Protein backbone atom coordinates (compact mmCIF):
# COMPACT_ATOMS: atom_id res chain seq x y z
CA UNK A 1 53.37 33.66 -31.67
CA UNK A 2 54.57 32.53 -28.28
CA UNK A 3 58.16 33.47 -27.33
CA UNK A 4 59.81 31.59 -24.49
CA UNK A 5 62.76 33.17 -22.67
CA UNK A 6 65.85 30.94 -22.43
CA UNK A 7 66.26 32.11 -18.84
CA UNK A 8 62.98 30.45 -17.92
CA UNK A 9 64.13 27.02 -19.17
CA UNK A 10 65.76 24.57 -16.78
CA UNK A 11 69.15 23.07 -17.58
CA UNK A 12 67.48 19.77 -18.46
CA UNK A 13 65.07 21.53 -20.84
CA UNK A 14 67.93 23.43 -22.47
CA UNK A 15 69.92 20.21 -22.89
CA UNK A 16 66.89 18.45 -24.38
CA UNK A 17 66.23 21.35 -26.78
CA UNK A 18 69.89 21.40 -27.87
CA UNK A 19 69.90 17.62 -28.32
CA UNK A 20 66.81 17.82 -30.52
CA UNK A 21 68.62 20.26 -32.78
CA UNK A 22 71.56 17.94 -33.41
CA UNK A 23 69.50 15.29 -35.19
CA UNK A 24 70.40 15.64 -38.87
CA UNK A 25 73.36 14.24 -40.76
CA UNK A 26 74.48 13.75 -44.35
CA UNK A 27 74.65 10.17 -45.59
CA UNK A 28 75.45 8.50 -48.91
CA UNK A 29 73.51 5.78 -50.71
CA UNK A 30 75.08 4.56 -53.98
CA UNK A 31 76.79 7.91 -54.58
CA UNK A 32 73.55 9.80 -53.87
CA UNK A 33 73.46 12.15 -50.91
CA UNK A 34 70.54 12.27 -48.50
CA UNK A 35 69.74 13.84 -45.15
CA UNK A 36 68.94 11.53 -42.28
CA UNK A 37 67.11 13.08 -39.32
CA UNK A 38 64.55 12.45 -36.57
CA UNK A 39 61.55 14.59 -35.72
CA UNK A 40 59.06 13.89 -32.94
CA UNK A 41 60.17 10.30 -32.72
CA UNK A 42 59.96 9.68 -36.46
CA UNK A 43 63.01 9.04 -38.60
CA UNK A 44 63.08 10.57 -42.04
CA UNK A 45 65.35 10.32 -45.06
CA UNK A 46 65.31 13.21 -47.52
CA UNK A 47 66.66 12.56 -51.01
CA UNK A 48 67.26 15.65 -53.15
CA UNK A 49 68.73 13.77 -56.12
CA UNK A 50 72.23 15.18 -55.61
CA UNK A 51 75.41 13.21 -56.27
CA UNK A 52 78.24 13.07 -53.75
CA UNK A 53 80.29 16.19 -54.55
CA UNK A 54 81.73 18.91 -52.34
CA UNK A 55 79.35 21.46 -53.81
CA UNK A 56 76.29 19.28 -53.17
CA UNK A 57 77.44 18.49 -49.64
CA UNK A 58 77.56 22.23 -49.00
CA UNK A 59 73.95 22.50 -50.22
CA UNK A 60 72.86 19.75 -47.81
CA UNK A 61 74.80 21.37 -44.97
CA UNK A 62 72.83 24.56 -45.57
CA UNK A 63 69.58 22.56 -45.54
CA UNK A 64 70.60 20.92 -42.25
CA UNK A 65 71.32 24.31 -40.71
CA UNK A 66 67.84 25.49 -41.72
CA UNK A 67 66.31 22.28 -40.39
CA UNK A 68 68.16 22.44 -37.07
CA UNK A 69 67.23 26.08 -36.63
CA UNK A 70 63.55 25.41 -37.37
CA UNK A 71 63.39 22.48 -34.94
CA UNK A 72 65.14 24.52 -32.26
CA UNK A 73 62.70 27.39 -32.84
CA UNK A 74 59.74 25.04 -32.48
CA UNK A 75 61.09 23.76 -29.15
CA UNK A 76 61.44 27.33 -27.95
CA UNK A 77 57.86 28.18 -28.88
CA UNK A 78 58.53 30.00 -32.15
CA UNK A 79 56.09 27.99 -34.25
CA UNK A 80 55.97 24.63 -36.00
CA UNK A 81 58.64 23.55 -38.46
CA UNK A 82 57.68 24.47 -42.04
CA UNK A 83 59.13 21.49 -43.92
CA UNK A 84 57.59 22.69 -47.18
CA UNK A 85 59.73 25.83 -47.00
CA UNK A 86 62.94 23.88 -46.30
CA UNK A 87 62.24 21.00 -48.71
CA UNK A 88 59.76 22.34 -51.31
CA UNK A 89 57.53 19.78 -53.03
CA UNK A 90 58.57 16.76 -50.96
CA UNK A 91 55.47 16.68 -48.76
CA UNK A 92 57.30 15.76 -45.57
CA UNK A 93 55.13 14.99 -42.57
CA UNK A 94 51.95 15.85 -44.46
CA UNK A 95 48.78 15.14 -42.57
CA UNK A 96 46.50 12.36 -43.86
CA UNK A 97 43.83 13.48 -46.32
CA UNK A 98 41.08 12.91 -43.76
CA UNK A 99 42.87 15.06 -41.20
CA UNK A 100 43.45 17.84 -43.72
CA UNK A 101 39.77 17.74 -44.67
CA UNK A 102 38.80 17.95 -41.01
CA UNK A 103 41.10 20.94 -40.58
CA UNK A 104 39.39 22.70 -43.52
CA UNK A 105 36.04 22.50 -41.76
CA UNK A 106 37.60 24.23 -38.77
CA UNK A 107 39.45 26.98 -40.61
CA UNK A 108 37.82 27.54 -44.02
CA UNK A 109 35.08 30.15 -44.35
CA UNK A 110 31.42 29.16 -44.45
CA UNK A 111 30.99 30.62 -47.95
CA UNK A 112 33.65 28.35 -49.44
CA UNK A 113 32.36 25.18 -47.76
CA UNK A 114 28.66 25.85 -48.38
CA UNK A 115 29.12 26.67 -52.06
CA UNK A 116 31.19 23.50 -52.48
CA UNK A 117 28.38 21.55 -50.80
CA UNK A 118 25.78 22.98 -53.17
CA UNK A 119 28.01 22.19 -56.15
CA UNK A 120 28.23 18.55 -55.05
CA UNK A 121 24.43 18.18 -55.04
CA UNK A 122 24.20 17.10 -58.67
CA UNK A 123 20.55 16.00 -58.34
CA UNK A 124 19.37 19.58 -57.71
CA UNK A 125 17.45 21.09 -60.63
CA UNK A 126 19.13 24.02 -62.37
CA UNK A 127 16.52 26.59 -61.35
CA UNK A 128 16.54 25.32 -57.75
CA UNK A 129 20.32 25.67 -57.64
CA UNK A 130 20.05 29.18 -59.04
CA UNK A 131 17.50 30.12 -56.37
CA UNK A 132 19.67 28.66 -53.60
CA UNK A 133 22.71 30.60 -54.77
CA UNK A 134 20.74 33.82 -55.05
CA UNK A 135 19.30 33.44 -51.55
CA UNK A 136 22.74 32.62 -50.16
CA UNK A 137 24.28 35.66 -51.83
CA UNK A 138 21.61 38.10 -50.67
CA UNK A 139 20.49 36.80 -47.29
CA UNK A 140 23.02 34.34 -45.82
CA UNK A 141 26.52 35.34 -46.88
CA UNK A 142 26.35 38.92 -45.50
CA UNK A 143 25.86 37.52 -41.99
CA UNK A 144 27.91 34.33 -41.72
CA UNK A 145 29.77 33.99 -45.02
CA UNK A 146 33.09 35.25 -43.65
CA UNK A 147 33.06 33.08 -40.52
CA UNK A 148 34.53 29.63 -39.95
CA UNK A 149 31.99 26.95 -39.00
CA UNK A 150 33.00 26.75 -35.30
CA UNK A 151 32.50 30.52 -35.02
CA UNK A 152 28.89 30.43 -36.25
CA UNK A 153 26.66 30.49 -33.19
CA UNK A 154 22.94 30.15 -32.55
CA UNK A 155 22.69 33.93 -32.08
CA UNK A 156 24.05 34.45 -35.62
CA UNK A 157 21.34 32.21 -37.06
CA UNK A 158 18.58 33.93 -35.07
CA UNK A 159 19.76 37.38 -36.17
CA UNK A 160 19.89 36.25 -39.78
CA UNK A 161 16.35 34.82 -39.61
CA UNK A 162 15.01 37.97 -37.94
CA UNK A 163 16.36 40.17 -40.74
CA UNK A 164 15.12 37.75 -43.42
CA UNK A 165 11.59 37.70 -41.98
CA UNK A 166 11.33 41.48 -42.41
CA UNK A 167 11.44 41.16 -46.21
CA UNK A 168 10.13 37.60 -46.68
CA UNK A 169 7.14 35.69 -45.38
CA UNK A 170 7.96 33.19 -42.65
CA UNK A 171 7.06 30.27 -44.89
CA UNK A 172 9.61 31.51 -47.45
CA UNK A 173 12.34 31.91 -44.82
CA UNK A 174 11.69 28.39 -43.52
CA UNK A 175 11.79 26.91 -47.01
CA UNK A 176 14.90 28.78 -48.12
CA UNK A 177 16.83 27.80 -44.97
CA UNK A 178 16.17 24.06 -45.30
CA UNK A 179 19.32 23.52 -47.41
CA UNK A 180 21.36 25.41 -44.80
CA UNK A 181 19.99 23.23 -42.01
CA UNK A 182 20.83 20.13 -44.07
CA UNK A 183 24.37 21.40 -44.65
CA UNK A 184 25.06 21.81 -40.93
CA UNK A 185 23.42 18.47 -40.13
CA UNK A 186 25.74 16.73 -42.61
CA UNK A 187 28.79 18.51 -41.16
CA UNK A 188 27.81 17.30 -37.68
CA UNK A 189 27.09 13.76 -38.93
CA UNK A 190 30.54 13.65 -40.54
CA UNK A 191 32.16 14.63 -37.25
CA UNK A 192 33.45 18.05 -38.27
CA UNK A 193 31.26 19.91 -35.75
CA UNK A 194 29.91 18.89 -32.37
CA UNK A 195 26.53 20.57 -32.86
CA UNK A 196 24.65 22.54 -35.49
CA UNK A 197 23.92 26.22 -34.74
CA UNK A 198 20.35 25.36 -35.82
CA UNK A 199 19.99 22.69 -33.13
CA UNK A 200 17.79 24.80 -30.84
CA UNK A 201 16.36 27.09 -33.52
CA UNK A 202 12.76 26.29 -34.40
CA UNK A 203 11.06 27.04 -37.70
CA UNK A 204 9.25 30.36 -37.85
CA UNK A 205 5.49 30.15 -37.38
CA UNK A 206 3.77 30.21 -40.76
CA UNK A 207 1.39 33.11 -41.23
CA UNK A 208 -2.09 32.46 -42.55
CA UNK A 209 -2.14 33.06 -46.31
CA UNK A 210 -4.10 36.21 -47.10
CA UNK A 211 -5.69 35.50 -50.46
CA UNK A 212 -7.17 38.32 -52.53
CA UNK A 213 -9.03 36.73 -55.45
CA UNK A 214 -10.81 38.69 -58.15
CA UNK A 215 -14.59 38.77 -58.02
CA UNK A 216 -16.61 38.24 -61.20
CA UNK A 217 -16.82 41.93 -62.08
CA UNK A 218 -13.10 42.47 -61.50
CA UNK A 219 -12.24 39.46 -63.64
CA UNK A 220 -14.40 40.73 -66.49
CA UNK A 221 -12.61 44.09 -66.25
CA UNK A 222 -9.18 42.43 -66.17
CA UNK A 223 -9.85 40.34 -69.28
CA UNK A 224 -11.30 43.36 -71.09
CA UNK A 225 -8.13 45.28 -70.29
CA UNK A 226 -5.94 42.56 -71.78
CA UNK A 227 -8.17 42.25 -74.85
CA UNK A 228 -7.71 45.97 -75.44
CA UNK A 229 -4.04 46.45 -74.51
CA UNK A 230 -2.34 43.04 -74.82
CA UNK A 231 -4.68 40.77 -76.85
CA UNK A 232 -2.04 38.05 -77.26
CA UNK A 233 -2.27 37.39 -73.51
CA UNK A 234 -6.08 37.40 -73.09
CA UNK A 235 -6.55 33.63 -73.43
CA UNK A 236 -3.54 33.01 -71.21
CA UNK A 237 -4.99 35.13 -68.37
CA UNK A 238 -8.44 33.57 -68.79
CA UNK A 239 -6.93 30.08 -68.64
CA UNK A 240 -5.16 30.96 -65.38
CA UNK A 241 -8.46 32.16 -63.90
CA UNK A 242 -10.57 29.18 -65.04
CA UNK A 243 -8.10 26.34 -64.50
CA UNK A 244 -6.56 27.06 -61.10
CA UNK A 245 -3.17 26.10 -62.50
CA UNK A 246 0.02 27.57 -61.14
CA UNK A 247 1.44 30.17 -63.55
CA UNK A 248 4.58 28.13 -64.31
CA UNK A 249 2.37 25.16 -65.27
CA UNK A 250 0.43 27.19 -67.84
CA UNK A 251 3.57 28.83 -69.23
CA UNK A 252 5.02 25.35 -69.83
CA UNK A 253 1.81 23.74 -71.16
CA UNK A 254 2.30 22.09 -74.59
CA UNK A 255 -0.20 20.96 -77.20
CA UNK A 256 0.88 17.34 -76.89
CA UNK A 257 -0.40 17.41 -73.30
CA UNK A 258 -3.95 18.26 -74.44
CA UNK A 259 -5.98 15.02 -74.61
CA UNK A 260 -8.98 16.06 -76.68
CA UNK A 261 -10.43 12.56 -76.87
CA UNK A 262 -10.61 12.03 -73.10
CA UNK A 263 -11.10 15.73 -72.33
CA UNK A 264 -8.03 15.89 -70.10
CA UNK A 265 -5.22 18.41 -69.69
CA UNK A 266 -2.02 16.68 -68.62
CA UNK A 267 0.02 18.82 -66.24
CA UNK A 268 3.55 17.40 -66.30
CA UNK A 269 6.08 20.24 -66.42
CA UNK A 270 6.56 23.92 -65.83
CA UNK A 271 8.87 26.80 -66.64
CA UNK A 272 10.79 28.51 -63.83
CA UNK A 273 13.19 31.40 -64.47
CA UNK A 274 13.05 30.61 -68.19
CA UNK A 275 14.04 26.95 -67.70
CA UNK A 276 11.80 23.95 -68.36
CA UNK A 277 11.53 21.76 -65.29
CA UNK A 278 9.62 18.68 -64.23
CA UNK A 279 7.09 19.28 -61.47
CA UNK A 280 8.44 18.30 -58.05
CA UNK A 281 5.49 16.79 -56.19
CA UNK A 282 3.30 13.84 -57.06
CA UNK A 283 0.13 15.86 -56.53
CA UNK A 284 1.30 18.57 -58.94
CA UNK A 285 1.62 15.99 -61.71
CA UNK A 286 -2.05 15.50 -62.55
CA UNK A 287 -4.67 15.02 -65.26
CA UNK A 288 -7.05 17.97 -65.07
CA UNK A 289 -10.60 17.86 -66.34
CA UNK A 290 -11.13 19.86 -69.51
CA UNK A 291 -14.14 21.86 -68.39
CA UNK A 292 -16.29 23.71 -70.92
CA UNK A 293 -14.53 27.04 -70.26
CA UNK A 294 -11.10 25.47 -70.71
CA UNK A 295 -12.20 23.66 -73.87
CA UNK A 296 -13.47 26.92 -75.38
CA UNK A 297 -10.26 28.74 -74.50
CA UNK A 298 -8.10 25.97 -75.97
CA UNK A 299 -10.15 25.86 -79.19
CA UNK A 300 -9.92 29.64 -79.46
CA UNK A 301 -6.16 29.47 -78.99
CA UNK A 302 -5.85 26.56 -81.43
CA UNK A 303 -7.75 28.56 -84.06
CA UNK A 304 -4.92 31.08 -84.08
CA UNK A 305 -2.84 28.33 -85.75
CA UNK A 306 0.36 29.46 -84.10
CA UNK A 307 3.45 27.48 -85.06
CA UNK A 308 4.58 26.58 -81.56
CA UNK A 309 4.65 23.50 -79.36
CA UNK A 310 3.44 25.69 -76.49
CA UNK A 311 -0.26 26.39 -76.05
CA UNK A 312 0.17 30.01 -74.98
CA UNK A 313 2.65 32.32 -76.69
CA UNK A 314 3.39 36.03 -76.81
CA UNK A 315 2.80 38.42 -79.69
CA UNK A 316 5.92 37.10 -81.45
CA UNK A 317 4.75 33.49 -81.27
CA UNK A 318 7.30 32.55 -78.61
CA UNK A 319 6.77 30.88 -75.26
CA UNK A 320 5.50 33.36 -72.69
CA UNK A 321 8.16 34.84 -70.45
CA UNK A 322 6.64 35.28 -66.99
CA UNK A 323 9.10 38.02 -66.06
CA UNK A 324 8.02 39.94 -69.19
CA UNK A 325 4.32 39.28 -68.61
CA UNK A 326 4.28 40.54 -65.02
CA UNK A 327 4.72 44.28 -65.79
CA UNK A 328 2.00 44.03 -68.46
CA UNK A 329 -0.33 42.46 -65.91
CA UNK A 330 0.27 45.23 -63.37
CA UNK A 331 -0.15 47.85 -66.09
CA UNK A 332 -3.60 46.45 -66.93
CA UNK A 333 -4.57 46.45 -63.24
CA UNK A 334 -3.67 50.13 -63.04
CA UNK A 335 -5.43 51.03 -66.32
CA UNK A 336 -8.61 49.23 -65.21
CA UNK A 337 -8.57 50.74 -61.72
CA UNK A 338 -8.19 47.35 -60.03
CA UNK A 339 -6.45 46.79 -56.72
CA UNK A 340 -2.84 45.67 -57.05
CA UNK A 341 -2.25 41.98 -56.33
CA UNK A 342 0.07 39.24 -57.66
CA UNK A 343 -1.03 37.37 -60.78
CA UNK A 344 -0.91 34.22 -58.63
CA UNK A 345 -4.26 35.43 -57.25
CA UNK A 346 -5.84 34.17 -60.49
CA UNK A 347 -5.31 30.65 -59.11
CA UNK A 348 -7.12 31.68 -55.93
CA UNK A 349 -9.82 33.27 -58.09
CA UNK A 350 -10.66 29.91 -59.68
CA UNK A 351 -10.73 28.12 -56.32
CA UNK A 352 -12.78 30.75 -54.49
CA UNK A 353 -15.35 31.12 -57.31
CA UNK A 354 -15.72 27.36 -57.69
CA UNK A 355 -16.09 26.64 -53.97
CA UNK A 356 -18.31 29.65 -53.31
CA UNK A 357 -20.70 28.48 -56.03
CA UNK A 358 -20.94 24.96 -54.69
CA UNK A 359 -18.41 22.92 -56.68
CA UNK A 360 -17.26 19.72 -55.00
CA UNK A 361 -14.26 20.73 -52.90
CA UNK A 362 -12.55 17.39 -53.58
CA UNK A 363 -12.76 18.13 -57.31
CA UNK A 364 -11.41 21.65 -56.73
CA UNK A 365 -8.51 20.28 -54.67
CA UNK A 366 -7.66 17.84 -57.44
CA UNK A 367 -7.78 20.56 -60.08
CA UNK A 368 -5.44 22.72 -57.98
CA UNK A 369 -2.98 19.87 -57.51
CA UNK A 370 -3.01 20.12 -53.72
CA UNK A 371 -1.21 17.37 -51.82
CA UNK A 372 -4.24 16.83 -49.60
CA UNK A 373 -7.73 18.13 -48.95
CA UNK A 374 -6.60 19.76 -45.71
CA UNK A 375 -4.60 22.33 -47.67
CA UNK A 376 -7.65 23.27 -49.74
CA UNK A 377 -9.94 23.48 -46.72
CA UNK A 378 -7.55 25.58 -44.64
CA UNK A 379 -6.97 28.04 -47.49
CA UNK A 380 -10.54 28.50 -48.73
CA UNK A 381 -12.69 27.82 -45.65
CA UNK A 382 -14.59 31.10 -45.85
CA UNK A 383 -15.80 30.35 -49.37
CA UNK A 384 -17.40 26.98 -48.55
CA UNK A 385 -21.24 27.17 -48.86
CA UNK A 386 -23.73 24.96 -47.06
CA UNK A 387 -24.59 22.98 -50.20
CA UNK A 388 -22.33 21.53 -52.87
CA UNK A 389 -22.56 20.82 -56.58
CA UNK A 390 -20.02 18.86 -58.62
CA UNK A 391 -17.49 18.95 -61.41
CA UNK A 392 -17.51 22.36 -63.01
CA UNK A 393 -21.19 23.17 -63.50
CA UNK A 394 -21.17 26.51 -61.69
CA UNK A 395 -17.77 27.60 -62.96
CA UNK A 396 -18.95 26.92 -66.52
CA UNK A 397 -22.04 29.03 -65.88
CA UNK A 398 -19.93 31.97 -64.72
CA UNK A 399 -17.79 31.69 -67.86
CA UNK A 400 -20.84 31.66 -70.15
CA UNK A 401 -22.39 34.65 -68.35
CA UNK A 402 -19.16 36.60 -68.76
CA UNK A 403 -19.11 35.88 -72.47
CA UNK A 404 -22.72 37.03 -72.84
CA UNK A 405 -21.84 40.27 -71.05
CA UNK A 406 -19.02 40.85 -73.53
CA UNK A 407 -21.34 40.32 -76.53
CA UNK A 408 -24.00 42.71 -75.27
């Protein structure tokens, strides 16, 4: 608060300040009292709904004294007049809605504004929204959540990204921060900020994906472990290894998406964090070939005659919960003496075995649901042989050999 000494004011300034204080008067309109005053060149009439009586005039006199004192204090540097305190609920000299909104973006905390922004994005899928909120809570809010937007600088963003990259792969950090970049871009486009703190911050360089697929012997051991310890999941794990599907796609696979006549498996939806969701990319939505191994697995699963719309279920006949399956998977790895690796490596196992044994890489890319062949080539280059075969012949042979080994 700035306090100005009266001794420092000139006579003209004192006269002007005093004159500004004597601006209010009581007037009558059809036996109703009101206060008539001027403030910053604007004339205002304040009706309090009081009739013309001595008691009510005394009330208005008290209001005028408060008003005059507040205006005088403002002129002397003691702060702006708080009309809401003097005349509660009347909304005198309220700023336009647009101006108030602009002020919010200058004074409100980032957390409040960003969470409001996410809430307004009604097109976002439920599981995506949940992921965004979780990432904000754990990785963004601790660093900039308490700050106002103008106080968030480029250095804050760089520090946040540096810390994030220590516990997340660069590709994950880049993907998770896209909504935050969009938020600041929209704030700038709407005129609330001059520049985004991300303006000069580049995306982190993506690391090369280090895939660790199972070899044939390891896969045989893994399936044997599930057959022994968790038999309800054996077909599920085998399907992951011989289809190349993403885990959420197999968890969400339903019997009505199995086209026996045309030997196709229709991949249309998945399950993420327990919620059914449509697949996001055009390439993910695909009709996969029902190879011999997949046909045998589906027939084996169908023979169980489980009363469920889902192809793969747990021991209770319910849709598989990935979060519940994961500890079982790691337990089998440990029991079988296999190196620890994410279950997602079963997808890489299919691709690496197929390509290594000469399957057409275009067919493999289509089975995986890659957006383009470049993705497949860059990920599995070291498995590409000099000659190629087509459409599942080698992968079927591996499956049949494994089954013979089990029967011996």
